[in-house]
Amino acid sequence: MTEVATPASGSMLDDMLEIFVAPSKVFERRRHSGYGMLLLTLVILLVLISVATLSLTAPYWDAQFDLGMKLAAAKGQEMPAEASGAMARTAGRWFGVLGGLIYVPIMVWLGGLFVMLGSKIAGANVNYKQGTLIFTLAFFPRLLAPIIMSVQSLMVSPESIRSFSDGALGPARFFDPLTTNPILLGVLGNFELTNLWSFALVAIGVRVIGAVSMGAAMFAAGLAFAFTLALTLIPAALM
C-alpha cells in the first residue's frame, strides 16, 4: 500500500519567514488554509514598520506632497498658506502610513480576484480563496519597501528628493516626476523591486496550488500584474 505524503506543518511565523526563502514549501502546506490571520498580521506589520521608519521616510512623503502642490500650481490652483501647508504635509505623512490599514486589505481582496481570473485563463484550477491566500503571502516582500526607503534616506540629501518614487528601487526613480507623464510614471512605478518580487511569488503560488507548469503560472501572474497595474493607473489618469 502506497502512503500519501502530507505537507509538513508550520507556524505562521514559519510562513512569514520561509515565504522569502522557500515559497514553494509555504504554498504547498497552506494550499487549503485560510488567509484571514495572515492578512491581519501583514497589515499590522506594515503599519508598525511604516510608523517605526517614519522619521527616515518623512522626506519622501514631504517631497510627494510638494510635488502635488507644484502640479496643482501649474494648473492655476490656489496654494494654501504656509501654516496650513505645513499641517497638510504632516497629515499627508500619517495618511500615507496609516492608509495601509485600508489600502492593503483592498489590494489583497482585489489581487485575489485577479489571481483567480489570471489562473482560470491560464488553465490553473485556483479559486478565489486560494487566489487571495496566494496574493496575501506574496505581499510580504513589500514589507521591505519602507525599510529600503529608510536606508536610502540616510545616504541622500533631503533637498535632492523629488517624489516618493526616488525611494523605490525601480525605473521610475530615473524620471523627473514634475515633467514625466503621470500615466507613464505610474506604469514605471509598478516595476519596483518588491512589487516584482511579489508577483514572482504569485507565479510560484499558482504553480504549486494550481498544479500547472511554471510557464502557465507565469502567464497567470503576468495577467494578475496587468490587472493590478491598470487599477493603480486610475489615480494617474485622473491627474
C-alpha atoms as a PDB file:
ATOM      1  CA  MET A   1       0.000   0.000   0.000  1.00  0.00           C
ATOM      2  CA  THR A   2       1.414   3.384  -1.023  1.00  0.00           C
ATOM      3  CA  GLU A   3       1.372   6.114   1.605  1.00  0.00           C
ATOM      4  CA  VAL A   4       0.332   9.605   0.563  1.00  0.00           C
ATOM      5  CA  ALA A   5       2.759  12.219   1.794  1.00  0.00           C
ATOM      6  CA  THR A   6       1.246  15.142   3.651  1.00  0.00           C
ATOM      7  CA  PRO A   7       2.805  18.600   3.706  1.00  0.00           C
ATOM      8  CA  ALA A   8       4.821  19.387   6.805  1.00  0.00           C
ATOM      9  CA  SER A   9       3.060  21.691   9.220  1.00  0.00           C
ATOM     10  CA  GLY A  10       4.448  25.069  10.141  1.00  0.00           C
ATOM     11  CA  SER A  11       3.520  28.067  12.241  1.00  0.00           C
ATOM     12  CA  MET A  12       2.503  31.444  10.860  1.00  0.00           C
ATOM     13  CA  LEU A  13       5.952  32.709  11.799  1.00  0.00           C
ATOM     14  CA  ASP A  14       7.431  29.923   9.672  1.00  0.00           C
ATOM     15  CA  ASP A  15       5.224  31.032   6.782  1.00  0.00           C
ATOM     16  CA  MET A  16       6.258  34.683   7.068  1.00  0.00           C
ATOM     17  CA  LEU A  17       9.958  33.803   7.147  1.00  0.00           C
ATOM     18  CA  GLU A  18      10.008  30.983   4.608  1.00  0.00           C
ATOM     19  CA  ILE A  19       7.963  32.884   2.019  1.00  0.00           C
ATOM     20  CA  PHE A  20      11.198  34.804   1.379  1.00  0.00           C
ATOM     21  CA  VAL A  21      13.457  31.769   1.003  1.00  0.00           C
ATOM     22  CA  ALA A  22      11.285  28.669   0.415  1.00  0.00           C
ATOM     23  CA  PRO A  23       7.978  29.889  -1.066  1.00  0.00           C
ATOM     24  CA  SER A  24       7.034  26.585  -2.708  1.00  0.00           C
ATOM     25  CA  LYS A  25       7.169  24.899   0.678  1.00  0.00           C
ATOM     26  CA  VAL A  26       4.862  27.516   2.190  1.00  0.00           C
ATOM     27  CA  PHE A  27       2.306  27.351  -0.628  1.00  0.00           C
ATOM     28  CA  GLU A  28       2.304  23.545  -0.521  1.00  0.00           C
ATOM     29  CA  ARG A  29       1.467  23.318   3.162  1.00  0.00           C
ATOM     30  CA  ARG A  30      -1.019  26.213   3.070  1.00  0.00           C
ATOM     31  CA  ARG A  31      -2.908  25.223  -0.094  1.00  0.00           C
ATOM     32  CA  HIS A  32      -6.105  24.539   1.898  1.00  0.00           C
ATOM     33  CA  SER A  33      -5.634  27.221   4.553  1.00  0.00           C
ATOM     34  CA  GLY A  34      -7.462  30.496   5.043  1.00  0.00           C
ATOM     35  CA  TYR A  35      -5.815  33.874   4.706  1.00  0.00           C
ATOM     36  CA  GLY A  36      -7.520  35.978   7.394  1.00  0.00           C
ATOM     37  CA  MET A  37      -4.881  35.829  10.122  1.00  0.00           C
ATOM     38  CA  LEU A  38      -2.089  36.199   7.578  1.00  0.00           C
ATOM     39  CA  LEU A  39      -3.724  39.320   6.169  1.00  0.00           C
ATOM     40  CA  LEU A  40      -4.283  40.799   9.630  1.00  0.00           C
ATOM     41  CA  THR A  41      -0.645  40.128  10.541  1.00  0.00           C
ATOM     42  CA  LEU A  42       0.524  41.613   7.242  1.00  0.00           C
ATOM     43  CA  VAL A  43      -1.412  44.838   7.823  1.00  0.00           C
ATOM     44  CA  ILE A  44      -0.218  45.181  11.420  1.00  0.00           C
ATOM     45  CA  LEU A  45       3.416  44.583  10.443  1.00  0.00           C
ATOM     46  CA  LEU A  46       3.247  47.073   7.591  1.00  0.00           C
ATOM     47  CA  VAL A  47       1.802  49.800   9.809  1.00  0.00           C
ATOM     48  CA  LEU A  48       4.305  49.102  12.589  1.00  0.00           C
ATOM     49  CA  ILE A  49       7.252  49.178  10.185  1.00  0.00           C
ATOM     50  CA  SER A  50       5.932  52.318   8.486  1.00  0.00           C
ATOM     51  CA  VAL A  51       5.457  54.131  11.807  1.00  0.00           C
ATOM     52  CA  ALA A  52       8.869  52.994  13.092  1.00  0.00           C
ATOM     53  CA  THR A  53      10.613  54.287   9.960  1.00  0.00           C
ATOM     54  CA  LEU A  54       8.543  57.467   9.526  1.00  0.00           C
ATOM     55  CA  SER A  55      11.286  59.784  10.767  1.00  0.00           C
ATOM     56  CA  LEU A  56      13.517  58.452   7.972  1.00  0.00           C
ATOM     57  CA  THR A  57      10.898  58.229   5.215  1.00  0.00           C
ATOM     58  CA  ALA A  58       9.358  61.643   6.016  1.00  0.00           C
ATOM     59  CA  PRO A  59      11.443  63.471   3.349  1.00  0.00           C
ATOM     60  CA  TYR A  60       9.912  61.232   0.681  1.00  0.00           C
ATOM     61  CA  TRP A  61       6.359  61.847   1.901  1.00  0.00           C
ATOM     62  CA  ASP A  62       7.059  65.590   2.052  1.00  0.00           C
ATOM     63  CA  ALA A  63       8.539  65.571  -1.448  1.00  0.00           C
ATOM     64  CA  GLN A  64       5.457  63.761  -2.744  1.00  0.00           C
ATOM     65  CA  PHE A  65       3.232  66.373  -1.107  1.00  0.00           C
ATOM     66  CA  ASP A  66       5.303  69.214  -2.556  1.00  0.00           C
ATOM     67  CA  LEU A  67       5.122  67.586  -5.989  1.00  0.00           C
ATOM     68  CA  GLY A  68       1.342  67.570  -5.766  1.00  0.00           C
ATOM     69  CA  MET A  69       1.364  71.242  -4.839  1.00  0.00           C
ATOM     70  CA  LYS A  70       3.642  72.106  -7.776  1.00  0.00           C
ATOM     71  CA  LEU A  71       1.437  70.186 -10.215  1.00  0.00           C
ATOM     72  CA  ALA A  72      -1.639  71.911  -8.807  1.00  0.00           C
ATOM     73  CA  ALA A  73       0.027  75.318  -9.061  1.00  0.00           C
ATOM     74  CA  ALA A  74       0.904  74.609 -12.686  1.00  0.00           C
ATOM     75  CA  LYS A  75      -2.835  74.188 -13.322  1.00  0.00           C
ATOM     76  CA  GLY A  76      -3.548  77.531 -11.703  1.00  0.00           C
ATOM     77  CA  GLN A  77      -4.929  76.241  -8.421  1.00  0.00           C
ATOM     78  CA  GLU A  78      -4.552  78.437  -5.357  1.00  0.00           C
ATOM     79  CA  MET A  79      -1.893  77.302  -2.897  1.00  0.00           C
ATOM     80  CA  PRO A  80      -2.581  77.038   0.856  1.00  0.00           C
ATOM     81  CA  ALA A  81      -0.978  79.384   3.371  1.00  0.00           C
ATOM     82  CA  GLU A  82       2.394  78.327   4.772  1.00  0.00           C
ATOM     83  CA  ALA A  83       0.997  77.274   8.173  1.00  0.00           C
ATOM     84  CA  SER A  84      -1.867  75.242   6.749  1.00  0.00           C
ATOM     85  CA  GLY A  85       0.513  73.794   4.157  1.00  0.00           C
ATOM     86  CA  ALA A  86       2.814  72.511   6.917  1.00  0.00           C
ATOM     87  CA  MET A  87      -0.147  70.924   8.673  1.00  0.00           C
ATOM     88  CA  ALA A  88      -1.296  69.314   5.430  1.00  0.00           C
ATOM     89  CA  ARG A  89       2.217  67.999   4.823  1.00  0.00           C
ATOM     90  CA  THR A  90       2.283  66.363   8.266  1.00  0.00           C
ATOM     91  CA  ALA A  91      -1.215  64.975   7.772  1.00  0.00           C
ATOM     92  CA  GLY A  92      -0.097  63.575   4.407  1.00  0.00           C
ATOM     93  CA  ARG A  93       2.679  61.588   6.062  1.00  0.00           C
ATOM     94  CA  TRP A  94       0.319  59.972   8.558  1.00  0.00           C
ATOM     95  CA  PHE A  95      -2.360  59.396   5.956  1.00  0.00           C
ATOM     96  CA  GLY A  96       0.206  57.594   3.802  1.00  0.00           C
ATOM     97  CA  VAL A  97       1.447  55.491   6.712  1.00  0.00           C
ATOM     98  CA  LEU A  98      -1.915  54.609   8.263  1.00  0.00           C
ATOM     99  CA  GLY A  99      -3.576  54.284   4.877  1.00  0.00           C
ATOM    100  CA  GLY A 100      -2.176  50.761   4.777  1.00  0.00           C
ATOM    101  CA  LEU A 101      -4.958  49.758   7.172  1.00  0.00           C
ATOM    102  CA  ILE A 102      -7.401  50.273   4.299  1.00  0.00           C
ATOM    103  CA  TYR A 103      -5.201  50.029   1.216  1.00  0.00           C
ATOM    104  CA  VAL A 104      -3.622  46.635   1.899  1.00  0.00           C
ATOM    105  CA  PRO A 105      -6.853  44.644   2.529  1.00  0.00           C
ATOM    106  CA  ILE A 106      -8.467  46.181  -0.556  1.00  0.00           C
ATOM    107  CA  MET A 107      -5.424  45.361  -2.683  1.00  0.00           C
ATOM    108  CA  VAL A 108      -5.312  41.803  -1.325  1.00  0.00           C
ATOM    109  CA  TRP A 109      -9.013  41.175  -1.976  1.00  0.00           C
ATOM    110  CA  LEU A 110      -8.785  42.591  -5.479  1.00  0.00           C
ATOM    111  CA  GLY A 111      -5.449  40.856  -6.028  1.00  0.00           C
ATOM    112  CA  GLY A 112      -7.026  37.531  -5.071  1.00  0.00           C
ATOM    113  CA  LEU A 113      -9.681  38.114  -7.715  1.00  0.00           C
ATOM    114  CA  PHE A 114      -7.031  38.973 -10.314  1.00  0.00           C
ATOM    115  CA  VAL A 115      -5.010  35.858  -9.431  1.00  0.00           C
ATOM    116  CA  MET A 116      -8.108  33.698  -9.776  1.00  0.00           C
ATOM    117  CA  LEU A 117      -9.028  35.239 -13.142  1.00  0.00           C
ATOM    118  CA  GLY A 118      -5.474  35.000 -14.439  1.00  0.00           C
ATOM    119  CA  SER A 119      -5.254  31.393 -13.281  1.00  0.00           C
ATOM    120  CA  LYS A 120      -8.517  30.449 -14.972  1.00  0.00           C
ATOM    121  CA  ILE A 121      -7.320  31.965 -18.258  1.00  0.00           C
ATOM    122  CA  ALA A 122      -4.007  30.109 -17.894  1.00  0.00           C
ATOM    123  CA  GLY A 123      -5.796  26.811 -17.192  1.00  0.00           C
ATOM    124  CA  ALA A 124      -4.971  26.589 -13.489  1.00  0.00           C
ATOM    125  CA  ASN A 125      -7.612  25.474 -11.000  1.00  0.00           C
ATOM    126  CA  VAL A 126      -7.336  28.266  -8.409  1.00  0.00           C
ATOM    127  CA  ASN A 127     -10.457  29.520  -6.643  1.00  0.00           C
ATOM    128  CA  TYR A 128     -10.940  32.957  -5.053  1.00  0.00           C
ATOM    129  CA  LYS A 129      -9.962  31.836  -1.548  1.00  0.00           C
ATOM    130  CA  GLN A 130      -6.775  30.260  -2.860  1.00  0.00           C
ATOM    131  CA  GLY A 131      -6.054  33.290  -5.064  1.00  0.00           C
ATOM    132  CA  THR A 132      -6.382  35.605  -2.079  1.00  0.00           C
ATOM    133  CA  LEU A 133      -4.155  33.331   0.022  1.00  0.00           C
ATOM    134  CA  ILE A 134      -1.547  33.418  -2.748  1.00  0.00           C
ATOM    135  CA  PHE A 135      -1.717  37.208  -3.015  1.00  0.00           C
ATOM    136  CA  THR A 136      -1.544  37.653   0.758  1.00  0.00           C
ATOM    137  CA  LEU A 137       1.579  35.535   1.087  1.00  0.00           C
ATOM    138  CA  ALA A 138       3.088  37.169  -1.998  1.00  0.00           C
ATOM    139  CA  PHE A 139       2.564  40.621  -0.444  1.00  0.00           C
ATOM    140  CA  PHE A 140       5.060  40.038   2.379  1.00  0.00           C
ATOM    141  CA  PRO A 141       8.172  41.174   0.421  1.00  0.00           C
ATOM    142  CA  ARG A 142       6.539  44.604   0.164  1.00  0.00           C
ATOM    143  CA  LEU A 143       7.171  44.985   3.888  1.00  0.00           C
ATOM    144  CA  LEU A 144      10.750  45.680   2.851  1.00  0.00           C
ATOM    145  CA  ALA A 145       9.797  48.806   0.862  1.00  0.00           C
ATOM    146  CA  PRO A 146       9.779  51.271   3.802  1.00  0.00           C
ATOM    147  CA  ILE A 147      12.996  49.716   5.114  1.00  0.00           C
ATOM    148  CA  ILE A 148      14.685  50.133   1.730  1.00  0.00           C
ATOM    149  CA  MET A 149      13.480  53.724   1.598  1.00  0.00           C
ATOM    150  CA  SER A 150      14.778  54.372   5.111  1.00  0.00           C
ATOM    151  CA  VAL A 151      18.244  53.113   4.230  1.00  0.00           C
ATOM    152  CA  GLN A 152      18.339  55.340   1.158  1.00  0.00           C
ATOM    153  CA  SER A 153      17.276  58.369   3.196  1.00  0.00           C
ATOM    154  CA  LEU A 154      20.476  58.019   5.206  1.00  0.00           C
ATOM    155  CA  MET A 155      22.555  58.341   2.053  1.00  0.00           C
ATOM    156  CA  VAL A 156      20.928  61.253   0.228  1.00  0.00           C
ATOM    157  CA  SER A 157      20.224  64.892   0.931  1.00  0.00           C
ATOM    158  CA  PRO A 158      16.529  65.626   1.622  1.00  0.00           C
ATOM    159  CA  GLU A 159      16.721  68.508  -0.856  1.00  0.00           C
ATOM    160  CA  SER A 160      17.565  66.066  -3.655  1.00  0.00           C
ATOM    161  CA  ILE A 161      14.392  64.024  -3.173  1.00  0.00           C
ATOM    162  CA  ARG A 162      11.775  64.860  -5.810  1.00  0.00           C
ATOM    163  CA  SER A 163       8.978  62.385  -5.032  1.00  0.00           C
ATOM    164  CA  PHE A 164       8.140  59.074  -3.420  1.00  0.00           C
ATOM    165  CA  SER A 165       9.498  57.211  -6.437  1.00  0.00           C
ATOM    166  CA  ASP A 166      13.027  58.382  -5.600  1.00  0.00           C
ATOM    167  CA  GLY A 167      12.971  55.974  -2.667  1.00  0.00           C
ATOM    168  CA  ALA A 168      11.828  52.963  -4.691  1.00  0.00           C
ATOM    169  CA  LEU A 169      14.151  50.523  -6.435  1.00  0.00           C
ATOM    170  CA  GLY A 170      12.682  50.778  -9.896  1.00  0.00           C
ATOM    171  CA  PRO A 171      12.913  52.678 -13.196  1.00  0.00           C
ATOM    172  CA  ALA A 172      10.555  55.471 -12.036  1.00  0.00           C
ATOM    173  CA  ARG A 173      13.369  56.977  -9.964  1.00  0.00           C
ATOM    174  CA  PHE A 174      15.235  57.896 -13.156  1.00  0.00           C
ATOM    175  CA  PHE A 175      12.428  60.141 -14.448  1.00  0.00           C
ATOM    176  CA  ASP A 176      11.554  63.673 -13.385  1.00  0.00           C
ATOM    177  CA  PRO A 177       8.112  63.386 -11.720  1.00  0.00           C
ATOM    178  CA  LEU A 178       7.374  67.048 -12.458  1.00  0.00           C
ATOM    179  CA  THR A 179       7.699  66.703 -16.238  1.00  0.00           C
ATOM    180  CA  THR A 180       7.007  62.998 -16.895  1.00  0.00           C
ATOM    181  CA  ASN A 181       3.530  61.949 -17.963  1.00  0.00           C
ATOM    182  CA  PRO A 182       1.722  60.693 -14.803  1.00  0.00           C
ATOM    183  CA  ILE A 183       0.460  57.555 -16.537  1.00  0.00           C
ATOM    184  CA  LEU A 184       3.960  56.630 -17.747  1.00  0.00           C
ATOM    185  CA  LEU A 185       5.284  57.315 -14.257  1.00  0.00           C
ATOM    186  CA  GLY A 186       2.549  55.090 -12.820  1.00  0.00           C
ATOM    187  CA  VAL A 187       3.488  52.261 -15.175  1.00  0.00           C
ATOM    188  CA  LEU A 188       7.166  52.577 -14.286  1.00  0.00           C
ATOM    189  CA  GLY A 189       6.312  52.650 -10.587  1.00  0.00           C
ATOM    190  CA  ASN A 190       4.843  49.162 -10.841  1.00  0.00           C
ATOM    191  CA  PHE A 191       8.209  47.766 -11.944  1.00  0.00           C
ATOM    192  CA  GLU A 192       9.647  48.294  -8.479  1.00  0.00           C
ATOM    193  CA  LEU A 193      11.759  45.538  -6.905  1.00  0.00           C
ATOM    194  CA  THR A 194       9.444  44.418  -4.091  1.00  0.00           C
ATOM    195  CA  ASN A 195       6.405  44.571  -6.380  1.00  0.00           C
ATOM    196  CA  LEU A 196       8.097  42.376  -8.996  1.00  0.00           C
ATOM    197  CA  TRP A 197       9.230  40.024  -6.219  1.00  0.00           C
ATOM    198  CA  SER A 198       5.625  39.837  -5.076  1.00  0.00           C
ATOM    199  CA  PHE A 199       4.363  38.771  -8.494  1.00  0.00           C
ATOM    200  CA  ALA A 200       7.177  36.248  -8.842  1.00  0.00           C
ATOM    201  CA  LEU A 201       5.767  34.681  -5.673  1.00  0.00           C
ATOM    202  CA  VAL A 202       2.284  34.792  -7.210  1.00  0.00           C
ATOM    203  CA  ALA A 203       3.619  32.685 -10.090  1.00  0.00           C
ATOM    204  CA  ILE A 204       5.112  30.166  -7.660  1.00  0.00           C
ATOM    205  CA  GLY A 205       1.852  30.045  -5.709  1.00  0.00           C
ATOM    206  CA  VAL A 206      -0.207  29.404  -8.841  1.00  0.00           C
ATOM    207  CA  ARG A 207       2.222  26.679  -9.934  1.00  0.00           C
ATOM    208  CA  VAL A 208       2.021  24.879  -6.599  1.00  0.00           C
ATOM    209  CA  ILE A 209      -1.644  25.343  -5.729  1.00  0.00           C
ATOM    210  CA  GLY A 210      -2.953  25.291  -9.298  1.00  0.00           C
ATOM    211  CA  ALA A 211      -0.786  22.295 -10.252  1.00  0.00           C
ATOM    212  CA  VAL A 212       0.317  23.752 -13.601  1.00  0.00           C
ATOM    213  CA  SER A 213       3.609  24.295 -15.371  1.00  0.00           C
ATOM    214  CA  MET A 214       5.776  27.247 -14.435  1.00  0.00           C
ATOM    215  CA  GLY A 215       5.106  28.753 -17.847  1.00  0.00           C
ATOM    216  CA  ALA A 216       1.345  28.723 -17.295  1.00  0.00           C
ATOM    217  CA  ALA A 217       1.822  30.043 -13.757  1.00  0.00           C
ATOM    218  CA  MET A 218       3.973  32.929 -15.021  1.00  0.00           C
ATOM    219  CA  PHE A 219       1.304  33.735 -17.596  1.00  0.00           C
ATOM    220  CA  ALA A 220      -1.331  33.812 -14.838  1.00  0.00           C
ATOM    221  CA  ALA A 221       0.868  36.032 -12.662  1.00  0.00           C
ATOM    222  CA  GLY A 222       1.519  38.297 -15.643  1.00  0.00           C
ATOM    223  CA  LEU A 223      -2.210  38.724 -16.179  1.00  0.00           C
ATOM    224  CA  ALA A 224      -2.710  39.480 -12.472  1.00  0.00           C
ATOM    225  CA  PHE A 225       0.126  42.029 -12.714  1.00  0.00           C
ATOM    226  CA  ALA A 226      -1.544  43.653 -15.737  1.00  0.00           C
ATOM    227  CA  PHE A 227      -4.912  43.859 -13.946  1.00  0.00           C
ATOM    228  CA  THR A 228      -3.266  45.385 -10.873  1.00  0.00           C
ATOM    229  CA  LEU A 229      -1.250  47.818 -12.985  1.00  0.00           C
ATOM    230  CA  ALA A 230      -4.434  49.004 -14.713  1.00  0.00           C
ATOM    231  CA  LEU A 231      -6.047  49.553 -11.320  1.00  0.00           C
ATOM    232  CA  THR A 232      -3.141  51.585  -9.953  1.00  0.00           C
ATOM    233  CA  LEU A 233      -3.147  53.800 -13.040  1.00  0.00           C
ATOM    234  CA  ILE A 234      -6.584  55.224 -12.231  1.00  0.00           C
ATOM    235  CA  PRO A 235      -5.171  57.956  -9.922  1.00  0.00           C
ATOM    236  CA  ALA A 236      -2.526  58.806 -12.505  1.00  0.00           C
ATOM    237  CA  ALA A 237      -5.179  59.081 -15.226  1.00  0.00           C
ATOM    238  CA  LEU A 238      -7.226  61.420 -13.043  1.00  0.00           C
ATOM    239  CA  MET A 239      -4.179  63.661 -12.665  1.00  0.00           C
END
